[in-house]
Protein backbone atom coordinates (compact mmCIF):
# COMPACT_ATOMS: atom_id res chain seq x y z
CA MET A 1 -9.22 -5.05 12.10
CA PHE A 2 -7.83 -3.29 9.31
CA LYS A 3 -4.27 -2.12 8.67
CA ARG A 4 -3.79 0.84 6.09
CA PHE A 5 -0.76 3.42 5.55
CA VAL A 6 -0.27 6.48 3.83
CA VAL A 7 1.97 9.37 2.59
CA GLY A 8 0.40 12.84 3.03
CA HIS A 9 -1.04 12.69 -1.05
CA ILE A 10 -3.94 12.63 -1.31
CA ASN A 11 -4.79 9.45 -4.21
CA LYS A 12 -7.20 11.68 -7.50
CA GLN A 13 -9.31 8.18 -8.47
CA SER A 14 -9.96 7.41 -4.44
CA GLY A 15 -9.82 10.83 -2.82
CA VAL A 16 -8.49 9.69 -0.04
CA ASN A 17 -4.30 9.83 1.23
CA GLN A 18 -2.76 7.22 -1.07
CA GLY A 19 -0.93 4.36 0.35
CA ILE A 20 2.54 4.04 1.44
CA LEU A 21 3.27 0.93 -1.35
CA GLY A 22 3.36 2.75 -4.52
CA VAL A 23 5.19 5.47 -3.16
CA ALA A 24 7.97 2.07 -1.91
CA TYR A 25 7.56 1.22 -5.51
CA ARG A 26 7.82 4.69 -7.21
CA ILE A 27 11.21 5.17 -5.25
CA SER A 28 12.55 1.81 -5.97
CA ARG A 29 11.80 2.69 -9.45
CA GLU A 30 14.00 6.22 -9.81
CA ARG A 31 16.99 5.10 -7.65
CA GLN A 32 16.70 2.11 -10.27
CA ALA A 33 16.59 4.33 -13.77
CA GLU A 34 19.73 6.67 -11.55
CA GLY A 35 21.69 3.95 -11.39
CA THR A 36 21.15 3.01 -7.42
CA SER A 37 19.25 1.15 -4.79
CA VAL A 38 18.06 0.09 -1.81
CA VAL A 39 19.24 -3.10 -1.52
CA ASP A 40 16.80 -3.54 1.59
CA LEU A 41 13.57 -1.68 -0.11
CA ASP A 42 14.12 -3.45 -2.90
CA THR A 43 14.30 -7.35 -0.77
CA HIS A 44 11.26 -5.83 1.29
CA LEU A 45 9.24 -5.04 -2.36
CA GLU A 46 10.15 -8.35 -4.18
CA TRP A 47 9.22 -10.12 -1.70
CA LEU A 48 6.18 -8.27 -0.98
CA MET A 49 5.13 -9.35 -5.23
CA SER A 50 5.63 -12.07 -4.09
CA SER A 51 3.76 -13.13 -1.37
CA PHE A 52 0.08 -11.40 -1.54
CA PRO A 53 -2.18 -11.12 -4.80
CA ILE A 54 -2.40 -7.74 -6.06
CA PRO A 55 -6.63 -7.52 -6.75
CA ASP A 56 -7.57 -7.90 -10.04
CA VAL A 57 -10.50 -5.70 -8.63
CA PHE A 58 -8.35 -2.46 -10.09
CA ASP A 59 -9.26 -4.47 -13.68
CA ASN A 60 -12.43 -2.33 -13.42
CA PRO A 61 -13.43 1.27 -13.75
CA GLU A 62 -15.65 2.00 -11.12
CA SER A 63 -13.45 -0.03 -9.23
CA LEU A 64 -10.24 2.82 -9.42
CA LYS A 65 -12.26 4.31 -5.58
CA GLY A 66 -10.90 1.46 -4.12
CA VAL A 67 -7.95 1.84 -1.58
CA CYS A 68 -6.65 -1.82 0.25
CA TRP A 69 -6.40 -2.32 3.86
CA PHE A 70 -4.23 -5.48 5.22
CA LYS A 71 -6.41 -7.45 7.69
CA ASP A 72 -4.44 -7.44 10.22
CA THR A 73 -4.26 -11.14 10.46
CA ALA A 74 -1.21 -10.35 7.98
CA VAL A 75 0.70 -10.25 10.35
CA GLU A 76 4.02 -10.69 8.53
CA ILE A 77 3.24 -8.68 5.86
CA ILE A 78 3.06 -5.65 7.45
CA ALA A 79 5.70 -6.28 9.06
CA HIS A 80 7.13 -6.14 5.67
CA VAL A 81 5.64 -2.82 4.05
CA VAL A 82 6.28 -1.73 7.98
CA ALA A 83 10.07 -2.25 7.08
CA ILE A 84 9.58 0.01 4.60
CA ILE A 85 8.11 3.14 6.23
CA PRO A 86 11.89 4.34 6.59
CA TYR A 87 12.66 4.66 2.79
CA VAL A 88 10.14 6.33 2.21
CA GLU A 89 10.36 8.98 4.88
CA GLN A 90 13.94 9.67 3.52
CA SER A 91 12.47 10.59 0.42
CA GLY A 92 10.31 13.41 2.47
CA PHE A 93 7.09 11.99 2.95
CA ILE A 94 5.90 11.52 6.35
CA VAL A 95 3.85 7.58 6.86
CA THR A 96 0.45 6.40 9.11
CA GLU A 97 -0.67 4.02 10.15
CA LEU A 98 -5.06 3.20 10.00
CA ILE A 99 -6.30 1.32 11.53
CA SER A 100 -10.33 0.74 11.04
CA ASP A 101 -13.08 -1.29 11.46
CA LEU A 102 -15.00 -0.37 8.87
CA PRO A 103 -13.24 1.05 6.43
CA GLY A 104 -15.85 0.89 3.55
CA VAL A 105 -18.03 -1.03 1.10
CA VAL A 106 -15.33 -4.05 0.81
CA ILE A 107 -14.98 -4.88 -3.26
CA TYR A 108 -12.81 -7.50 -3.13
CA GLU A 109 -11.51 -9.64 -0.77
CA ASP A 110 -8.33 -12.84 0.20
CA ASP A 111 -6.96 -13.63 2.95
CA PHE A 112 -4.49 -11.18 3.15
CA GLN A 113 -6.64 -7.56 2.21
CA ILE A 114 -9.73 -6.33 1.52
CA VAL A 115 -10.50 -3.08 -1.35
CA ALA A 116 -12.84 -1.15 0.31
CA ILE A 117 -14.53 2.63 -1.77
CA PRO A 118 -14.05 5.06 0.84
CA ASN A 119 -16.89 5.92 2.75
CA GLU A 120 -18.39 9.98 2.36
């Protein structure tokens, strides 16, 4: 089983709801640019950046339709993602957790996640 956390904004490239991490990184960058930060949010984001690989599959333009799903066994990673939900929601987004056994055609896989082209 796979999990994905999304906001209600459609990603132009994939055609499905945008993932929470892209939004959380944008919130962090905007707050830092304003001269403020949310230490807890930044701590979780830094931990996530250092704890699992960013799929290099996105270097291929054809793969930009792919979306990331966490493996349900990535419990610690998912816990950090869940911890950032309040910060994303405070910025006006509604976060939804998606669960799927068949998220699409898998184009990348590691120990923690997959990237799949969504089923149409």
